[in-house]
C-alpha atoms as a PDB file:
ATOM      1  CA  MET A   1      51.954   8.606  73.939  1.00  0.00           C
ATOM      2  CA  ASP A   2      55.758   8.313  74.247  1.00  0.00           C
ATOM      3  CA  THR A   3      57.415  10.988  72.367  1.00  0.00           C
ATOM      4  CA  PHE A   4      60.826  11.031  74.038  1.00  0.00           C
ATOM      5  CA  SER A   5      62.690  10.117  71.207  1.00  0.00           C
ATOM      6  CA  TYR A   6      60.969  12.983  69.136  1.00  0.00           C
ATOM      7  CA  ARG A   7      61.788  15.384  71.848  1.00  0.00           C
ATOM      8  CA  VAL A   8      65.597  14.126  71.344  1.00  0.00           C
ATOM      9  CA  PHE A   9      65.487  14.658  67.750  1.00  0.00           C
ATOM     10  CA  LEU A  10      64.191  18.301  68.230  1.00  0.00           C
ATOM     11  CA  THR A  11      67.284  18.794  70.760  1.00  0.00           C
ATOM     12  CA  ILE A  12      69.501  17.631  68.706  1.00  0.00           C
ATOM     13  CA  ALA A  13      68.361  19.586  65.765  1.00  0.00           C
ATOM     14  CA  LYS A  14      68.319  22.885  68.022  1.00  0.00           C
ATOM     15  CA  TYR A  15      71.544  22.557  69.359  1.00  0.00           C
ATOM     16  CA  LYS A  16      73.257  20.460  66.652  1.00  0.00           C
ATOM     17  CA  SER A  17      74.976  18.156  69.163  1.00  0.00           C
ATOM     18  CA  PHE A  18      74.448  14.548  70.438  1.00  0.00           C
ATOM     19  CA  GLN A  19      76.462  15.588  73.352  1.00  0.00           C
ATOM     20  CA  LYS A  20      74.154  18.274  74.380  1.00  0.00           C
ATOM     21  CA  ALA A  21      70.977  16.286  74.074  1.00  0.00           C
ATOM     22  CA  ALA A  22      72.325  13.707  76.545  1.00  0.00           C
ATOM     23  CA  GLU A  23      73.146  16.402  79.038  1.00  0.00           C
ATOM     24  CA  LEU A  24      69.981  18.113  78.811  1.00  0.00           C
ATOM     25  CA  HIS A  25      67.729  14.704  78.414  1.00  0.00           C
ATOM     26  CA  HIS A  26      69.946  13.327  81.701  1.00  0.00           C
ATOM     27  CA  VAL A  27      70.844  10.185  79.543  1.00  0.00           C
ATOM     28  CA  THR A  28      74.095   9.126  78.314  1.00  0.00           C
ATOM     29  CA  PRO A  29      75.529   9.708  74.704  1.00  0.00           C
ATOM     30  CA  PRO A  30      75.239   6.320  73.529  1.00  0.00           C
ATOM     31  CA  ALA A  31      71.698   6.166  74.625  1.00  0.00           C
ATOM     32  CA  ILE A  32      71.373   9.213  72.570  1.00  0.00           C
ATOM     33  CA  SER A  33      72.871   7.622  69.551  1.00  0.00           C
ATOM     34  CA  HIS A  34      70.549   4.392  70.176  1.00  0.00           C
ATOM     35  CA  LEU A  35      67.420   6.287  70.046  1.00  0.00           C
ATOM     36  CA  VAL A  36      68.409   8.051  66.957  1.00  0.00           C
ATOM     37  CA  LYS A  37      69.189   4.767  65.309  1.00  0.00           C
ATOM     38  CA  GLN A  38      66.102   3.483  66.297  1.00  0.00           C
ATOM     39  CA  LEU A  39      64.322   6.433  64.630  1.00  0.00           C
ATOM     40  CA  GLU A  40      66.098   6.053  61.382  1.00  0.00           C
ATOM     41  CA  LYS A  41      65.451   2.471  61.312  1.00  0.00           C
ATOM     42  CA  GLU A  42      61.820   3.126  61.921  1.00  0.00           C
ATOM     43  CA  PHE A  43      61.646   5.960  59.226  1.00  0.00           C
ATOM     44  CA  GLY A  44      63.825   4.090  56.740  1.00  0.00           C
ATOM     45  CA  PHE A  45      66.036   6.803  56.305  1.00  0.00           C
ATOM     46  CA  SER A  46      69.169   9.089  57.879  1.00  0.00           C
ATOM     47  CA  LEU A  47      68.108  12.010  59.999  1.00  0.00           C
ATOM     48  CA  PHE A  48      71.356  13.553  60.722  1.00  0.00           C
ATOM     49  CA  VAL A  49      74.697  14.236  59.022  1.00  0.00           C
ATOM     50  CA  ARG A  50      77.555  13.720  61.610  1.00  0.00           C
ATOM     51  CA  ASN A  51      81.217  14.663  61.656  1.00  0.00           C
ATOM     52  CA  HIS A  52      83.695  15.483  64.528  1.00  0.00           C
ATOM     53  CA  ARG A  53      82.626  19.177  64.509  1.00  0.00           C
ATOM     54  CA  SER A  54      78.890  19.276  64.383  1.00  0.00           C
ATOM     55  CA  VAL A  55      75.461  17.613  63.651  1.00  0.00           C
ATOM     56  CA  SER A  56      73.048  18.827  60.886  1.00  0.00           C
ATOM     57  CA  LEU A  57      69.676  17.594  59.302  1.00  0.00           C
ATOM     58  CA  THR A  58      69.491  15.703  56.355  1.00  0.00           C
ATOM     59  CA  THR A  59      66.873  16.970  53.765  1.00  0.00           C
ATOM     60  CA  ALA A  60      64.611  14.225  54.885  1.00  0.00           C
ATOM     61  CA  GLY A  61      65.128  15.215  58.811  1.00  0.00           C
ATOM     62  CA  GLU A  62      64.356  18.746  57.662  1.00  0.00           C
ATOM     63  CA  THR A  63      61.049  17.694  56.181  1.00  0.00           C
ATOM     64  CA  LEU A  64      60.158  15.916  59.484  1.00  0.00           C
ATOM     65  CA  LEU A  65      61.295  18.741  61.530  1.00  0.00           C
ATOM     66  CA  SER A  66      57.918  20.577  61.647  1.00  0.00           C
ATOM     67  CA  PRO A  67      55.299  17.593  61.791  1.00  0.00           C
ATOM     68  CA  ILE A  68      57.590  16.039  64.894  1.00  0.00           C
ATOM     69  CA  ALA A  69      57.586  19.472  66.710  1.00  0.00           C
ATOM     70  CA  ASP A  70      53.601  19.519  66.151  1.00  0.00           C
ATOM     71  CA  ILE A  71      53.203  15.893  67.754  1.00  0.00           C
ATOM     72  CA  VAL A  72      55.235  17.284  70.579  1.00  0.00           C
ATOM     73  CA  LYS A  73      53.329  20.463  71.039  1.00  0.00           C
ATOM     74  CA  ARG A  74      49.908  18.513  70.907  1.00  0.00           C
ATOM     75  CA  GLU A  75      51.257  16.088  73.805  1.00  0.00           C
ATOM     76  CA  ASP A  76      52.152  19.037  75.803  1.00  0.00           C
ATOM     77  CA  ALA A  77      48.860  20.763  75.100  1.00  0.00           C
ATOM     78  CA  LEU A  78      47.138  17.495  76.148  1.00  0.00           C
ATOM     79  CA  ARG A  79      49.373  17.369  79.523  1.00  0.00           C
ATOM     80  CA  GLN A  80      48.508  21.078  79.917  1.00  0.00           C
ATOM     81  CA  LEU A  81      44.672  20.444  79.646  1.00  0.00           C
ATOM     82  CA  VAL A  82      44.633  17.468  81.847  1.00  0.00           C
ATOM     83  CA  ALA A  83      46.541  19.505  84.590  1.00  0.00           C
ATOM     84  CA  GLU A  84      43.872  22.465  83.816  1.00  0.00           C
ATOM     85  CA  VAL A  85      41.110  20.223  84.664  1.00  0.00           C
ATOM     86  CA  ASN A  86      42.545  19.051  87.673  1.00  0.00           C
ATOM     87  CA  GLY A  87      42.787  22.745  88.653  1.00  0.00           C
ATOM     88  CA  LEU A  88      46.593  23.094  88.241  1.00  0.00           C
ATOM     89  CA  ASP A  89      48.253  25.660  86.156  1.00  0.00           C
ATOM     90  CA  GLN A  90      51.068  23.740  84.520  1.00  0.00           C
ATOM     91  CA  GLY A  91      53.040  23.906  81.290  1.00  0.00           C
ATOM     92  CA  HIS A  92      56.102  24.553  79.391  1.00  0.00           C
ATOM     93  CA  VAL A  93      56.307  27.902  76.841  1.00  0.00           C
ATOM     94  CA  ARG A  94      59.045  28.447  74.101  1.00  0.00           C
ATOM     95  CA  LEU A  95      59.661  31.815  73.211  1.00  0.00           C
ATOM     96  CA  GLY A  96      61.364  33.281  70.170  1.00  0.00           C
ATOM     97  CA  ILE A  97      63.028  36.699  70.706  1.00  0.00           C
ATOM     98  CA  PHE A  98      65.506  39.183  69.041  1.00  0.00           C
ATOM     99  CA  ASN A  99      68.062  40.802  70.842  1.00  0.00           C
ATOM    100  CA  SER A 100      66.660  44.071  72.216  1.00  0.00           C
ATOM    101  CA  MET A 101      63.464  42.373  73.461  1.00  0.00           C
ATOM    102  CA  CYS A 102      66.099  41.290  76.528  1.00  0.00           C
ATOM    103  CA  LYS A 103      65.354  44.582  78.199  1.00  0.00           C
ATOM    104  CA  TYR A 104      61.713  43.575  78.710  1.00  0.00           C
ATOM    105  CA  LEU A 105      61.985  39.850  79.206  1.00  0.00           C
ATOM    106  CA  PRO A 106      62.921  39.368  82.659  1.00  0.00           C
ATOM    107  CA  ASP A 107      59.882  41.248  83.915  1.00  0.00           C
ATOM    108  CA  VAL A 108      57.655  39.714  81.588  1.00  0.00           C
ATOM    109  CA  ILE A 109      58.720  36.449  82.749  1.00  0.00           C
ATOM    110  CA  ARG A 110      58.778  37.298  86.375  1.00  0.00           C
ATOM    111  CA  GLY A 111      55.346  39.038  86.450  1.00  0.00           C
ATOM    112  CA  PHE A 112      53.788  36.094  84.627  1.00  0.00           C
ATOM    113  CA  ASN A 113      55.223  33.589  87.082  1.00  0.00           C
ATOM    114  CA  ASP A 114      54.000  35.586  90.028  1.00  0.00           C
ATOM    115  CA  LYS A 115      50.363  34.498  88.835  1.00  0.00           C
ATOM    116  CA  TYR A 116      51.399  31.248  87.509  1.00  0.00           C
ATOM    117  CA  PRO A 117      54.730  29.871  88.819  1.00  0.00           C
ATOM    118  CA  HIS A 118      54.127  26.281  87.480  1.00  0.00           C
ATOM    119  CA  ILE A 119      54.386  27.431  83.840  1.00  0.00           C
ATOM    120  CA  THR A 120      57.961  27.168  82.771  1.00  0.00           C
ATOM    121  CA  PHE A 121      59.860  28.918  80.005  1.00  0.00           C
ATOM    122  CA  GLU A 122      62.319  28.505  77.047  1.00  0.00           C
ATOM    123  CA  ILE A 123      64.176  31.024  75.326  1.00  0.00           C
ATOM    124  CA  TYR A 124      65.405  30.963  71.768  1.00  0.00           C
ATOM    125  CA  GLN A 125      67.238  34.256  70.859  1.00  0.00           C
ATOM    126  CA  GLY A 126      67.757  35.084  67.020  1.00  0.00           C
ATOM    127  CA  SER A 127      66.910  37.159  64.093  1.00  0.00           C
ATOM    128  CA  TYR A 128      63.508  37.881  62.604  1.00  0.00           C
ATOM    129  CA  GLU A 129      64.355  35.155  59.945  1.00  0.00           C
ATOM    130  CA  ASP A 130      65.251  32.697  62.607  1.00  0.00           C
ATOM    131  CA  ILE A 131      61.904  33.298  64.734  1.00  0.00           C
ATOM    132  CA  ILE A 132      59.773  33.233  61.739  1.00  0.00           C
ATOM    133  CA  TYR A 133      61.655  30.015  60.865  1.00  0.00           C
ATOM    134  CA  TRP A 134      60.997  28.799  64.618  1.00  0.00           C
ATOM    135  CA  LEU A 135      57.346  29.666  64.523  1.00  0.00           C
ATOM    136  CA  LYS A 136      56.575  28.095  61.035  1.00  0.00           C
ATOM    137  CA  THR A 137      58.392  24.900  62.086  1.00  0.00           C
ATOM    138  CA  GLY A 138      57.028  24.561  65.630  1.00  0.00           C
ATOM    139  CA  ILE A 139      60.163  24.829  67.396  1.00  0.00           C
ATOM    140  CA  VAL A 140      58.772  28.080  69.319  1.00  0.00           C
ATOM    141  CA  ASP A 141      55.123  28.656  70.315  1.00  0.00           C
ATOM    142  CA  ILE A 142      55.538  32.439  70.530  1.00  0.00           C
ATOM    143  CA  GLY A 143      57.591  34.746  68.654  1.00  0.00           C
ATOM    144  CA  PHE A 144      58.604  38.438  69.020  1.00  0.00           C
ATOM    145  CA  LEU A 145      58.665  40.269  65.495  1.00  0.00           C
ATOM    146  CA  SER A 146      58.534  43.626  63.826  1.00  0.00           C
ATOM    147  CA  GLN A 147      55.552  44.285  61.624  1.00  0.00           C
ATOM    148  CA  THR A 148      57.763  44.745  58.709  1.00  0.00           C
ATOM    149  CA  VAL A 149      58.897  41.341  58.637  1.00  0.00           C
ATOM    150  CA  ASN A 150      56.119  39.426  59.502  1.00  0.00           C
ATOM    151  CA  PRO A 151      55.112  37.229  56.824  1.00  0.00           C
ATOM    152  CA  GLY A 152      51.201  36.995  57.241  1.00  0.00           C
ATOM    153  CA  LEU A 153      51.245  35.041  60.699  1.00  0.00           C
ATOM    154  CA  PRO A 154      49.084  36.526  63.323  1.00  0.00           C
ATOM    155  CA  PHE A 155      50.452  39.567  64.430  1.00  0.00           C
ATOM    156  CA  TYR A 156      49.441  41.602  67.655  1.00  0.00           C
ATOM    157  CA  GLU A 157      51.234  45.122  68.144  1.00  0.00           C
ATOM    158  CA  ILE A 158      52.572  45.448  71.577  1.00  0.00           C
ATOM    159  CA  PHE A 159      54.354  48.784  71.315  1.00  0.00           C
ATOM    160  CA  SER A 160      56.066  51.414  68.966  1.00  0.00           C
ATOM    161  CA  ASP A 161      60.027  51.817  69.185  1.00  0.00           C
ATOM    162  CA  PRO A 162      61.320  54.804  67.497  1.00  0.00           C
ATOM    163  CA  LEU A 163      64.112  54.566  64.942  1.00  0.00           C
ATOM    164  CA  MET A 164      67.135  56.554  65.562  1.00  0.00           C
ATOM    165  CA  CYS A 165      70.330  58.000  63.783  1.00  0.00           C
ATOM    166  CA  ILE A 166      73.492  56.577  65.169  1.00  0.00           C
ATOM    167  CA  LEU A 167      76.835  58.450  64.434  1.00  0.00           C
ATOM    168  CA  SER A 168      79.910  59.158  66.064  1.00  0.00           C
ATOM    169  CA  LYS A 169      80.267  61.519  68.585  1.00  0.00           C
ATOM    170  CA  GLU A 170      82.783  63.583  66.518  1.00  0.00           C
ATOM    171  CA  THR A 171      80.522  63.953  63.797  1.00  0.00           C
ATOM    172  CA  HIS A 172      79.125  67.706  63.392  1.00  0.00           C
ATOM    173  CA  THR A 173      75.282  67.949  63.073  1.00  0.00           C
ATOM    174  CA  GLU A 174      73.377  71.015  62.971  1.00  0.00           C
ATOM    175  CA  SER A 175      71.095  69.907  65.895  1.00  0.00           C
ATOM    176  CA  GLU A 176      72.168  67.817  68.827  1.00  0.00           C
ATOM    177  CA  SER A 177      68.706  66.031  68.933  1.00  0.00           C
ATOM    178  CA  GLU A 178      67.442  65.533  65.620  1.00  0.00           C
ATOM    179  CA  ILE A 179      68.533  65.072  61.859  1.00  0.00           C
ATOM    180  CA  ARG A 180      66.816  65.153  58.752  1.00  0.00           C
ATOM    181  CA  LEU A 181      68.158  61.764  56.683  1.00  0.00           C
ATOM    182  CA  GLU A 182      68.227  63.581  53.456  1.00  0.00           C
ATOM    183  CA  THR A 183      71.559  65.544  54.915  1.00  0.00           C
ATOM    184  CA  LEU A 184      73.213  61.995  54.836  1.00  0.00           C
ATOM    185  CA  ALA A 185      72.688  61.032  51.530  1.00  0.00           C
ATOM    186  CA  ASN A 186      75.773  59.173  49.984  1.00  0.00           C
ATOM    187  CA  ALA A 187      77.242  59.112  53.305  1.00  0.00           C
ATOM    188  CA  PRO A 188      79.013  55.768  54.251  1.00  0.00           C
ATOM    189  CA  PHE A 189      76.485  53.484  56.017  1.00  0.00           C
ATOM    190  CA  VAL A 190      77.014  50.612  58.353  1.00  0.00           C
ATOM    191  CA  MET A 191      74.436  48.027  57.389  1.00  0.00           C
ATOM    192  CA  GLN A 192      73.285  45.011  59.180  1.00  0.00           C
ATOM    193  CA  ARG A 193      72.004  41.834  57.355  1.00  0.00           C
ATOM    194  CA  GLU A 194      68.485  42.096  55.926  1.00  0.00           C
ATOM    195  CA  SER A 195      66.740  39.821  58.579  1.00  0.00           C
ATOM    196  CA  CYS A 196      68.364  42.588  61.347  1.00  0.00           C
ATOM    197  CA  ASP A 197      67.714  45.875  59.855  1.00  0.00           C
ATOM    198  CA  ALA A 198      64.534  45.555  57.804  1.00  0.00           C
ATOM    199  CA  ASP A 199      62.889  48.631  59.467  1.00  0.00           C
ATOM    200  CA  ALA A 200      66.308  50.659  58.605  1.00  0.00           C
ATOM    201  CA  ARG A 201      65.876  49.693  55.038  1.00  0.00           C
ATOM    202  CA  ARG A 202      61.964  50.248  54.931  1.00  0.00           C
ATOM    203  CA  ILE A 203      62.670  54.176  55.931  1.00  0.00           C
ATOM    204  CA  MET A 204      65.407  54.667  53.474  1.00  0.00           C
ATOM    205  CA  ASP A 205      63.417  53.001  50.801  1.00  0.00           C
ATOM    206  CA  LYS A 206      60.575  55.145  51.334  1.00  0.00           C
ATOM    207  CA  LEU A 207      62.898  58.287  51.191  1.00  0.00           C
ATOM    208  CA  ASN A 208      64.677  56.991  48.184  1.00  0.00           C
ATOM    209  CA  LEU A 209      67.786  57.615  50.067  1.00  0.00           C
ATOM    210  CA  GLU A 210      71.105  56.395  48.392  1.00  0.00           C
ATOM    211  CA  VAL A 211      73.858  55.804  50.787  1.00  0.00           C
ATOM    212  CA  ARG A 212      77.235  54.090  50.436  1.00  0.00           C
ATOM    213  CA  THR A 213      77.207  50.845  52.211  1.00  0.00           C
ATOM    214  CA  ILE A 214      80.770  50.056  53.443  1.00  0.00           C
ATOM    215  CA  CYS A 215      80.074  47.421  56.312  1.00  0.00           C
ATOM    216  CA  HIS A 216      77.971  44.453  56.548  1.00  0.00           C
ATOM    217  CA  VAL A 217      77.781  43.243  59.949  1.00  0.00           C
ATOM    218  CA  VAL A 218      75.245  41.213  62.058  1.00  0.00           C
ATOM    219  CA  ASP A 219      75.091  42.229  65.685  1.00  0.00           C
ATOM    220  CA  ASP A 220      73.997  45.209  67.481  1.00  0.00           C
ATOM    221  CA  LYS A 221      77.431  45.814  69.357  1.00  0.00           C
ATOM    222  CA  THR A 222      79.412  45.516  66.123  1.00  0.00           C
ATOM    223  CA  THR A 223      77.276  48.205  64.591  1.00  0.00           C
ATOM    224  CA  VAL A 224      77.652  50.520  67.433  1.00  0.00           C
ATOM    225  CA  GLU A 225      81.533  49.966  67.411  1.00  0.00           C
ATOM    226  CA  MET A 226      81.798  50.450  63.697  1.00  0.00           C
ATOM    227  CA  VAL A 227      79.855  53.691  64.081  1.00  0.00           C
ATOM    228  CA  LYS A 228      81.673  54.984  67.296  1.00  0.00           C
ATOM    229  CA  SER A 229      84.842  54.710  65.146  1.00  0.00           C
ATOM    230  CA  GLY A 230      83.615  56.588  62.708  1.00  0.00           C
ATOM    231  CA  PHE A 231      83.046  54.175  59.627  1.00  0.00           C
ATOM    232  CA  GLY A 232      79.711  55.550  59.071  1.00  0.00           C
ATOM    233  CA  PHE A 233      76.280  56.320  60.379  1.00  0.00           C
ATOM    234  CA  ALA A 234      73.417  53.611  61.432  1.00  0.00           C
ATOM    235  CA  ILE A 235      69.737  53.611  61.504  1.00  0.00           C
ATOM    236  CA  MET A 236      68.626  51.532  64.497  1.00  0.00           C
ATOM    237  CA  PRO A 237      65.499  51.307  66.959  1.00  0.00           C
ATOM    238  CA  ARG A 238      65.852  52.952  70.265  1.00  0.00           C
ATOM    239  CA  LEU A 239      65.290  49.755  72.150  1.00  0.00           C
ATOM    240  CA  THR A 240      68.345  48.562  70.486  1.00  0.00           C
ATOM    241  CA  MET A 241      70.546  51.119  71.726  1.00  0.00           C
ATOM    242  CA  TYR A 242      69.847  50.017  75.437  1.00  0.00           C
ATOM    243  CA  GLY A 243      72.910  50.484  77.402  1.00  0.00           C
ATOM    244  CA  MET A 244      74.986  51.916  74.762  1.00  0.00           C
ATOM    245  CA  GLU A 245      73.177  55.379  74.596  1.00  0.00           C
ATOM    246  CA  GLN A 246      76.435  57.133  75.815  1.00  0.00           C
ATOM    247  CA  GLU A 247      79.052  55.413  73.391  1.00  0.00           C
ATOM    248  CA  VAL A 248      77.544  57.624  69.989  1.00  0.00           C
ATOM    249  CA  LYS A 249      75.653  60.377  69.198  1.00  0.00           C
ATOM    250  CA  MET A 250      71.967  59.403  69.004  1.00  0.00           C
ATOM    251  CA  LEU A 251      69.598  61.742  66.967  1.00  0.00           C
ATOM    252  CA  LYS A 252      65.721  61.441  66.528  1.00  0.00           C
ATOM    253  CA  ILE A 253      65.144  61.050  62.779  1.00  0.00           C
ATOM    254  CA  LEU A 254      63.014  63.473  60.642  1.00  0.00           C
ATOM    255  CA  PRO A 255      60.693  62.614  59.352  1.00  0.00           C
ATOM    256  CA  GLU A 256      59.999  60.425  62.147  1.00  0.00           C
ATOM    257  CA  GLY A 257      60.234  56.520  61.757  1.00  0.00           C
ATOM    258  CA  ASN A 258      59.224  53.538  63.974  1.00  0.00           C
ATOM    259  CA  ARG A 259      59.298  49.827  64.092  1.00  0.00           C
ATOM    260  CA  LEU A 260      56.094  48.284  65.407  1.00  0.00           C
ATOM    261  CA  ILE A 261      56.816  45.671  67.537  1.00  0.00           C
ATOM    262  CA  GLY A 262      54.412  42.537  68.422  1.00  0.00           C
ATOM    263  CA  VAL A 263      54.039  38.917  68.874  1.00  0.00           C
ATOM    264  CA  SER A 264      53.121  36.183  66.734  1.00  0.00           C
ATOM    265  CA  VAL A 265      51.891  32.702  66.807  1.00  0.00           C
ATOM    266  CA  ARG A 266      51.263  30.089  63.871  1.00  0.00           C
ATOM    267  CA  ASP A 267      47.738  29.413  64.761  1.00  0.00           C
ATOM    268  CA  GLU A 268      45.871  31.330  67.384  1.00  0.00           C
ATOM    269  CA  GLN A 269      43.015  28.628  67.498  1.00  0.00           C
ATOM    270  CA  GLU A 270      45.589  25.489  68.394  1.00  0.00           C
ATOM    271  CA  LEU A 271      47.517  27.380  71.466  1.00  0.00           C
ATOM    272  CA  ALA A 272      48.034  24.882  74.209  1.00  0.00           C
ATOM    273  CA  PRO A 273      46.325  26.437  77.632  1.00  0.00           C
ATOM    274  CA  ALA A 274      49.514  27.488  79.048  1.00  0.00           C
ATOM    275  CA  VAL A 275      50.643  29.108  75.594  1.00  0.00           C
ATOM    276  CA  LYS A 276      47.418  30.924  75.498  1.00  0.00           C
ATOM    277  CA  LYS A 277      47.886  32.437  79.292  1.00  0.00           C
ATOM    278  CA  VAL A 278      51.159  33.714  78.109  1.00  0.00           C
ATOM    279  CA  PHE A 279      50.149  35.028  74.816  1.00  0.00           C
ATOM    280  CA  GLU A 280      47.397  36.903  76.261  1.00  0.00           C
ATOM    281  CA  TYR A 281      49.735  38.260  79.065  1.00  0.00           C
ATOM    282  CA  ILE A 282      52.524  39.454  76.649  1.00  0.00           C
ATOM    283  CA  ARG A 283      49.768  41.404  74.777  1.00  0.00           C
ATOM    284  CA  ASP A 284      48.223  43.167  77.707  1.00  0.00           C
ATOM    285  CA  TYR A 285      51.542  43.764  79.376  1.00  0.00           C
ATOM    286  CA  ARG A 286      52.560  47.510  79.749  1.00  0.00           C
ATOM    287  CA  TYR A 287      55.941  47.900  77.671  1.00  0.00           C
ATOM    288  CA  GLU A 288      57.396  51.319  79.263  1.00  0.00           C
END
C-alpha cells in the first residue's frame, strides 16, 4: 500500500502549509501541489482552500481527515507488526499533550527509548479541546487529558495534580499556605478559556462560587502575568505553575481540589504494537 499522498495530506492539514509539507517529506513544493491535485482528481472534489497566507481544509477535506488518518495508522501498525515478527522493536508514535505535561515528557520519552531505541515520537501540543479532536480524528495515537474533560474515551488515571489559588504577592491573606475559596467571592478572577481551565470551573461550580471575571486569556504564562500584576486571582493546577512558583503567592485550596491526569486512546483494541508499548509504559511510569 502506497500511502505517501495520504501522509502529505495529513501533514498539510496539521501545519496548514504546502511549504512545510515539502520540507518534512523532502520533496519540492511543486511535487506537493501535484500530489494534492492528483488526490483531488481521484476524489472528485477540492481538499484545501488556498490563499496567500494559509491553507485550510474544505468541508469535504475535513470529512476525509479521520478515515485517511486511520488508513495511515493501519499501514504503520502493519509495518510494526512485521518488524515485531522479525524480532525488531520499531514504530512511530504520536502523542497529544497539554502545556504542563512538558515537565514529565522528556524523562518519559528518554526512559522509554532506553528500552526501545528504534521507536520514534511525534509531539502535538495543544489544549484539551485540541487533544480530544486529535484523538477522535486519529491524528494522535495517545493523548494526555484531565478526567474532567474526557468525552467517554478510554481513560487511565496516572496521577493527581492539586489545584492551587494564585494571587499577587501583595494580596493580604490570613494564611500564607492555604485559603478558603469562599473568601474570594465576588473578587476579580482571571479566567482561561473553557478548554484550558475546566478543572477550575468545576471546583467553583461545586462551591457555587460567584466571581467577577475580568480577564479571558488562553495560555498559562499570560494568566500568571495578569495575576502577578494584580488584575485578580486564578485557580491553576500545581503542575501548571512549575517554574513560576516564585512569581506569585500560591496557596492550597480549602476544601481541597484536584485534577486527575490520565492518558486516553480512541480504541484500545486497535493499538499498533509500538503504540501499545508506549501506552503501557506511560501508565506504569512513576510521576514524581
